[in-house]
Amino acid sequence: QVQLVESGGGLVQAGGSLRLSCVASGRTFSSYGMGWFRQAPGNEREFVAAISRGGLRTTYADSVKGRFTISRDNAKNTVYLQMNSLKPEDTAVYYCAADNLGYAPARTRGSYDYWGLGTQVTVSS
């Protein structure tokens, strides 16, 4: 079992930056691939970014490529999402998730076994 706790959300103006963190407890963090998803009101939860368990491979949704960066620190059991040049359409609850396999960064919700409760990100125009 893995527990995931996100933090770092908040209110920011368009063009600003935020860094989200997700701390994992439980089994060995470095054995999990990690991902970030987001869900805006009335929308389905969508993929944002993912990173392999070793941190060498990453993948991004087209909507955030070049603006967001996912990274991990296995010594701290933490995955990060650095979000720059934020837009109002980035407003959502952001969730981190853990994938039992983790060899390759996964883009689909069904690939993930554990989820955090989310952190709200609001971008004002």
N, C-alpha and C. Protein backbone atom coordinates (compact mmCIF):
# COMPACT_ATOMS: atom_id res chain seq x y z
N GLN A 1 0.84 -1.19 0.00
CA GLN A 1 0.00 0.00 0.00
C GLN A 1 0.88 1.24 0.00
N VAL A 2 0.47 2.24 -0.76
CA VAL A 2 1.19 3.51 -0.85
C VAL A 2 0.23 4.63 -0.55
N GLN A 3 0.64 5.55 0.28
CA GLN A 3 -0.15 6.75 0.55
C GLN A 3 0.54 7.93 -0.14
N LEU A 4 -0.24 8.73 -0.82
CA LEU A 4 0.27 9.87 -1.57
C LEU A 4 -0.39 11.14 -1.05
N VAL A 5 0.43 12.16 -0.78
CA VAL A 5 -0.09 13.43 -0.30
C VAL A 5 0.48 14.56 -1.14
N GLU A 6 -0.41 15.27 -1.82
CA GLU A 6 0.01 16.40 -2.66
C GLU A 6 0.01 17.70 -1.86
N SER A 7 0.84 18.63 -2.29
CA SER A 7 0.85 19.96 -1.71
C SER A 7 1.39 20.94 -2.74
N GLY A 8 1.26 22.24 -2.44
CA GLY A 8 1.83 23.26 -3.31
C GLY A 8 0.83 23.97 -4.19
N GLY A 9 -0.42 23.55 -4.17
CA GLY A 9 -1.42 24.24 -4.97
C GLY A 9 -1.73 25.61 -4.40
N GLY A 10 -2.50 26.38 -5.16
CA GLY A 10 -2.88 27.71 -4.69
C GLY A 10 -3.43 28.55 -5.81
N LEU A 11 -3.53 29.85 -5.54
CA LEU A 11 -4.03 30.82 -6.51
C LEU A 11 -2.85 31.60 -7.08
N VAL A 12 -2.79 31.70 -8.39
CA VAL A 12 -1.69 32.40 -9.05
C VAL A 12 -2.24 33.12 -10.27
N GLN A 13 -1.62 34.20 -10.63
CA GLN A 13 -2.02 34.94 -11.82
C GLN A 13 -1.50 34.26 -13.08
N ALA A 14 -2.18 34.47 -14.18
CA ALA A 14 -1.72 33.94 -15.45
C ALA A 14 -0.28 34.39 -15.72
N GLY A 15 0.52 33.47 -16.21
CA GLY A 15 1.92 33.74 -16.45
C GLY A 15 2.82 33.38 -15.28
N GLY A 16 2.23 33.09 -14.14
CA GLY A 16 2.99 32.76 -12.95
C GLY A 16 3.39 31.31 -12.91
N SER A 17 4.00 30.93 -11.77
CA SER A 17 4.52 29.58 -11.59
C SER A 17 4.09 29.01 -10.25
N LEU A 18 4.00 27.69 -10.22
CA LEU A 18 3.78 26.94 -8.98
C LEU A 18 4.58 25.65 -9.08
N ARG A 19 4.98 25.14 -7.91
CA ARG A 19 5.58 23.81 -7.88
C ARG A 19 4.77 22.91 -6.96
N LEU A 20 4.25 21.86 -7.52
CA LEU A 20 3.52 20.87 -6.74
C LEU A 20 4.48 19.79 -6.26
N SER A 21 4.19 19.27 -5.08
CA SER A 21 4.95 18.16 -4.53
C SER A 21 3.99 17.04 -4.16
N CYS A 22 4.50 15.83 -4.23
CA CYS A 22 3.71 14.66 -3.81
C CYS A 22 4.65 13.75 -3.04
N VAL A 23 4.36 13.57 -1.77
CA VAL A 23 5.18 12.72 -0.92
C VAL A 23 4.50 11.37 -0.77
N ALA A 24 5.29 10.31 -0.93
CA ALA A 24 4.77 8.95 -0.84
C ALA A 24 5.27 8.27 0.41
N SER A 25 4.42 7.46 1.00
CA SER A 25 4.83 6.64 2.14
C SER A 25 4.40 5.21 1.85
N GLY A 26 4.98 4.29 2.55
CA GLY A 26 4.64 2.90 2.31
C GLY A 26 5.80 2.15 1.69
N ARG A 27 5.50 1.38 0.65
CA ARG A 27 6.53 0.59 0.01
C ARG A 27 7.57 1.47 -0.69
N THR A 28 8.62 0.85 -1.17
CA THR A 28 9.75 1.58 -1.75
C THR A 28 9.31 2.48 -2.89
N PHE A 29 9.51 3.77 -2.72
CA PHE A 29 9.07 4.77 -3.69
C PHE A 29 9.73 4.55 -5.04
N SER A 30 11.00 4.18 -5.03
CA SER A 30 11.74 4.07 -6.29
C SER A 30 11.27 2.92 -7.17
N SER A 31 10.39 2.09 -6.67
CA SER A 31 9.87 0.99 -7.48
C SER A 31 8.62 1.40 -8.27
N TYR A 32 8.14 2.62 -8.08
CA TYR A 32 6.92 3.08 -8.72
C TYR A 32 7.19 4.11 -9.80
N GLY A 33 6.50 3.96 -10.93
CA GLY A 33 6.38 5.08 -11.84
C GLY A 33 5.37 6.06 -11.24
N MET A 34 5.55 7.35 -11.54
CA MET A 34 4.68 8.37 -10.95
C MET A 34 4.08 9.24 -12.03
N GLY A 35 2.88 9.70 -11.78
CA GLY A 35 2.22 10.56 -12.74
C GLY A 35 1.44 11.67 -12.08
N TRP A 36 1.18 12.69 -12.85
CA TRP A 36 0.29 13.80 -12.44
C TRP A 36 -0.89 13.84 -13.40
N PHE A 37 -2.06 13.99 -12.84
CA PHE A 37 -3.30 14.17 -13.60
C PHE A 37 -4.01 15.39 -13.06
N ARG A 38 -4.99 15.87 -13.79
CA ARG A 38 -5.78 17.00 -13.31
C ARG A 38 -7.23 16.85 -13.74
N GLN A 39 -8.09 17.49 -12.96
CA GLN A 39 -9.53 17.43 -13.25
C GLN A 39 -10.15 18.78 -12.97
N ALA A 40 -10.70 19.38 -14.01
CA ALA A 40 -11.43 20.63 -13.88
C ALA A 40 -12.91 20.32 -13.70
N PRO A 41 -13.68 21.23 -13.12
CA PRO A 41 -15.12 20.98 -12.91
C PRO A 41 -15.82 20.63 -14.21
N GLY A 42 -16.58 19.54 -14.17
CA GLY A 42 -17.34 19.12 -15.35
C GLY A 42 -16.54 18.34 -16.37
N ASN A 43 -15.25 18.18 -16.10
CA ASN A 43 -14.38 17.46 -17.05
C ASN A 43 -13.89 16.14 -16.46
N GLU A 44 -13.45 15.26 -17.33
CA GLU A 44 -12.84 14.03 -16.86
C GLU A 44 -11.41 14.31 -16.38
N ARG A 45 -10.92 13.40 -15.57
CA ARG A 45 -9.54 13.52 -15.12
C ARG A 45 -8.62 13.23 -16.31
N GLU A 46 -7.66 14.13 -16.53
CA GLU A 46 -6.81 14.01 -17.70
C GLU A 46 -5.34 13.93 -17.31
N PHE A 47 -4.59 13.27 -18.17
CA PHE A 47 -3.16 13.10 -17.97
C PHE A 47 -2.43 14.43 -18.13
N VAL A 48 -1.41 14.63 -17.28
CA VAL A 48 -0.58 15.83 -17.37
C VAL A 48 0.87 15.44 -17.67
N ALA A 49 1.47 14.61 -16.82
CA ALA A 49 2.87 14.25 -16.97
C ALA A 49 3.15 12.96 -16.20
N ALA A 50 4.19 12.26 -16.61
CA ALA A 50 4.58 11.04 -15.92
C ALA A 50 6.08 10.86 -16.00
N ILE A 51 6.61 10.08 -15.05
CA ILE A 51 8.04 9.84 -14.97
C ILE A 51 8.26 8.39 -14.57
N SER A 52 9.26 7.77 -15.19
CA SER A 52 9.56 6.38 -14.88
C SER A 52 10.17 6.27 -13.49
N ARG A 53 10.24 5.04 -13.00
CA ARG A 53 10.67 4.87 -11.61
C ARG A 53 12.10 5.30 -11.39
N GLY A 54 12.94 5.21 -12.40
CA GLY A 54 14.31 5.66 -12.26
C GLY A 54 14.50 7.14 -12.55
N GLY A 55 13.46 7.76 -13.10
CA GLY A 55 13.51 9.19 -13.39
C GLY A 55 14.12 9.56 -14.73
N LEU A 56 14.51 8.55 -15.52
CA LEU A 56 15.19 8.85 -16.77
C LEU A 56 14.24 9.14 -17.92
N ARG A 57 13.01 8.68 -17.80
CA ARG A 57 12.05 8.85 -18.89
C ARG A 57 10.86 9.64 -18.39
N THR A 58 10.43 10.59 -19.21
CA THR A 58 9.27 11.41 -18.90
C THR A 58 8.38 11.54 -20.13
N THR A 59 7.14 11.88 -19.90
CA THR A 59 6.21 12.16 -21.00
C THR A 59 5.21 13.20 -20.52
N TYR A 60 4.70 14.01 -21.47
CA TYR A 60 3.83 15.13 -21.12
C TYR A 60 2.63 15.18 -22.06
N ALA A 61 1.54 15.71 -21.55
CA ALA A 61 0.42 16.05 -22.40
C ALA A 61 0.84 17.21 -23.31
N ASP A 62 0.30 17.23 -24.51
CA ASP A 62 0.66 18.30 -25.44
C ASP A 62 0.33 19.68 -24.87
N SER A 63 -0.71 19.76 -24.09
CA SER A 63 -1.18 21.05 -23.57
C SER A 63 -0.21 21.67 -22.57
N VAL A 64 0.69 20.87 -22.00
CA VAL A 64 1.61 21.40 -20.99
C VAL A 64 3.07 21.29 -21.40
N LYS A 65 3.34 20.65 -22.52
CA LYS A 65 4.71 20.43 -22.96
C LYS A 65 5.41 21.77 -23.15
N GLY A 66 6.61 21.87 -22.60
CA GLY A 66 7.37 23.11 -22.68
C GLY A 66 7.09 24.08 -21.55
N ARG A 67 6.04 23.83 -20.78
CA ARG A 67 5.71 24.71 -19.65
C ARG A 67 5.84 23.99 -18.31
N PHE A 68 5.54 22.71 -18.28
CA PHE A 68 5.58 21.93 -17.05
C PHE A 68 6.77 20.97 -17.09
N THR A 69 7.32 20.68 -15.91
CA THR A 69 8.41 19.72 -15.79
C THR A 69 8.15 18.81 -14.61
N ILE A 70 8.19 17.51 -14.86
CA ILE A 70 8.04 16.53 -13.80
C ILE A 70 9.43 16.03 -13.42
N SER A 71 9.63 15.83 -12.12
CA SER A 71 10.90 15.32 -11.63
C SER A 71 10.64 14.53 -10.35
N ARG A 72 11.65 13.81 -9.90
CA ARG A 72 11.47 13.04 -8.67
C ARG A 72 12.77 12.99 -7.91
N ASP A 73 12.64 12.85 -6.60
CA ASP A 73 13.77 12.67 -5.71
C ASP A 73 13.49 11.40 -4.91
N ASN A 74 14.09 10.30 -5.31
CA ASN A 74 13.78 9.03 -4.67
C ASN A 74 14.28 8.98 -3.22
N ALA A 75 15.28 9.77 -2.92
CA ALA A 75 15.78 9.81 -1.54
C ALA A 75 14.78 10.48 -0.60
N LYS A 76 13.93 11.33 -1.18
CA LYS A 76 12.93 12.05 -0.38
C LYS A 76 11.52 11.51 -0.60
N ASN A 77 11.40 10.44 -1.37
CA ASN A 77 10.09 9.86 -1.66
C ASN A 77 9.12 10.89 -2.23
N THR A 78 9.63 11.74 -3.11
CA THR A 78 8.83 12.88 -3.57
C THR A 78 8.90 13.01 -5.09
N VAL A 79 7.76 13.32 -5.68
CA VAL A 79 7.70 13.69 -7.08
C VAL A 79 7.20 15.13 -7.16
N TYR A 80 7.72 15.86 -8.13
CA TYR A 80 7.41 17.29 -8.27
C TYR A 80 6.78 17.55 -9.63
N LEU A 81 6.02 18.63 -9.68
CA LEU A 81 5.54 19.15 -10.95
C LEU A 81 5.77 20.65 -10.94
N GLN A 82 6.78 21.09 -11.67
CA GLN A 82 7.05 22.52 -11.82
C GLN A 82 6.20 23.05 -12.95
N MET A 83 5.38 24.04 -12.64
CA MET A 83 4.44 24.58 -13.62
C MET A 83 4.77 26.05 -13.86
N ASN A 84 5.17 26.36 -15.07
CA ASN A 84 5.51 27.73 -15.46
C ASN A 84 4.54 28.23 -16.52
N SER A 85 4.52 29.53 -16.71
CA SER A 85 3.67 30.15 -17.74
C SER A 85 2.23 29.64 -17.62
N LEU A 86 1.72 29.68 -16.42
CA LEU A 86 0.40 29.12 -16.17
C LEU A 86 -0.69 29.91 -16.89
N LYS A 87 -1.72 29.18 -17.30
CA LYS A 87 -2.85 29.77 -18.03
C LYS A 87 -4.14 29.49 -17.24
N PRO A 88 -5.16 30.28 -17.44
CA PRO A 88 -6.44 30.02 -16.76
C PRO A 88 -6.96 28.60 -17.01
N GLU A 89 -6.70 28.07 -18.19
CA GLU A 89 -7.18 26.72 -18.51
C GLU A 89 -6.42 25.63 -17.77
N ASP A 90 -5.37 25.99 -17.05
CA ASP A 90 -4.67 25.03 -16.19
C ASP A 90 -5.38 24.86 -14.85
N THR A 91 -6.38 25.67 -14.59
CA THR A 91 -7.13 25.57 -13.34
C THR A 91 -7.78 24.20 -13.20
N ALA A 92 -7.49 23.52 -12.09
CA ALA A 92 -8.00 22.16 -11.86
C ALA A 92 -7.53 21.69 -10.50
N VAL A 93 -8.06 20.56 -10.08
CA VAL A 93 -7.47 19.81 -8.98
C VAL A 93 -6.43 18.88 -9.59
N TYR A 94 -5.23 18.93 -9.03
CA TYR A 94 -4.12 18.13 -9.53
C TYR A 94 -3.88 16.94 -8.60
N TYR A 95 -3.77 15.77 -9.20
CA TYR A 95 -3.60 14.53 -8.46
C TYR A 95 -2.28 13.86 -8.85
N CYS A 96 -1.59 13.30 -7.86
CA CYS A 96 -0.48 12.44 -8.22
C CYS A 96 -0.91 10.99 -8.07
N ALA A 97 -0.22 10.12 -8.79
CA ALA A 97 -0.59 8.72 -8.83
C ALA A 97 0.67 7.87 -8.96
N ALA A 98 0.57 6.64 -8.45
CA ALA A 98 1.71 5.71 -8.47
C ALA A 98 1.36 4.46 -9.26
N ASP A 99 2.30 4.04 -10.07
CA ASP A 99 2.14 2.89 -10.97
C ASP A 99 3.06 1.77 -10.47
N ASN A 100 2.49 0.62 -10.16
CA ASN A 100 3.26 -0.52 -9.64
C ASN A 100 4.40 -0.95 -10.54
N LEU A 101 4.20 -0.84 -11.85
CA LEU A 101 5.23 -1.30 -12.77
C LEU A 101 6.30 -0.24 -12.92
N GLY A 102 5.98 0.85 -13.61
CA GLY A 102 6.85 2.01 -13.60
C GLY A 102 8.06 1.99 -14.48
N TYR A 103 8.19 0.95 -15.32
CA TYR A 103 9.35 0.91 -16.21
C TYR A 103 9.31 2.03 -17.23
N ALA A 104 8.11 2.32 -17.71
CA ALA A 104 7.93 3.40 -18.66
C ALA A 104 6.87 4.34 -18.10
N PRO A 105 6.99 5.63 -18.35
CA PRO A 105 5.98 6.57 -17.84
C PRO A 105 4.63 6.34 -18.52
N ALA A 106 3.60 6.15 -17.72
CA ALA A 106 2.28 5.79 -18.23
C ALA A 106 1.38 7.01 -18.38
N ARG A 107 0.58 7.03 -19.44
CA ARG A 107 -0.28 8.17 -19.76
C ARG A 107 -1.75 7.91 -19.48
N THR A 108 -2.10 6.71 -19.11
CA THR A 108 -3.51 6.38 -18.93
C THR A 108 -3.85 6.17 -17.46
N ARG A 109 -5.05 6.58 -17.09
CA ARG A 109 -5.49 6.46 -15.69
C ARG A 109 -5.45 5.02 -15.21
N GLY A 110 -5.84 4.10 -16.07
CA GLY A 110 -5.91 2.70 -15.67
C GLY A 110 -4.57 2.07 -15.34
N SER A 111 -3.48 2.73 -15.69
CA SER A 111 -2.14 2.20 -15.40
C SER A 111 -1.73 2.43 -13.95
N TYR A 112 -2.46 3.27 -13.26
CA TYR A 112 -2.06 3.69 -11.91
C TYR A 112 -2.86 2.97 -10.84
N ASP A 113 -2.14 2.63 -9.77
CA ASP A 113 -2.71 1.80 -8.72
C ASP A 113 -3.09 2.59 -7.48
N TYR A 114 -2.44 3.71 -7.26
CA TYR A 114 -2.68 4.51 -6.05
C TYR A 114 -2.79 5.98 -6.44
N TRP A 115 -3.67 6.67 -5.71
CA TRP A 115 -3.94 8.08 -6.00
C TRP A 115 -3.93 8.90 -4.72
N GLY A 116 -3.48 10.14 -4.84
CA GLY A 116 -3.63 11.08 -3.75
C GLY A 116 -5.00 11.75 -3.79
N LEU A 117 -5.24 12.63 -2.83
CA LEU A 117 -6.53 13.30 -2.73
C LEU A 117 -6.60 14.59 -3.53
N GLY A 118 -5.46 15.06 -4.01
CA GLY A 118 -5.45 16.22 -4.89
C GLY A 118 -5.15 17.52 -4.20
N THR A 119 -4.70 18.49 -5.00
CA THR A 119 -4.45 19.85 -4.54
C THR A 119 -4.98 20.82 -5.60
N GLN A 120 -5.67 21.86 -5.15
CA GLN A 120 -6.33 22.79 -6.07
C GLN A 120 -5.32 23.80 -6.62
N VAL A 121 -5.35 23.98 -7.93
CA VAL A 121 -4.59 25.02 -8.60
C VAL A 121 -5.58 25.93 -9.32
N THR A 122 -5.52 27.21 -9.02
CA THR A 122 -6.41 28.18 -9.65
C THR A 122 -5.56 29.27 -10.29
N VAL A 123 -5.77 29.50 -11.58
CA VAL A 123 -5.01 30.50 -12.32
C VAL A 123 -5.98 31.59 -12.75
N SER A 124 -5.74 32.80 -12.27
CA SER A 124 -6.62 33.91 -12.60
C SER A 124 -6.10 34.65 -13.83
N SER A 125 -7.03 35.22 -14.60
CA SER A 125 -6.63 35.93 -15.83
C SER A 125 -6.39 37.40 -15.57
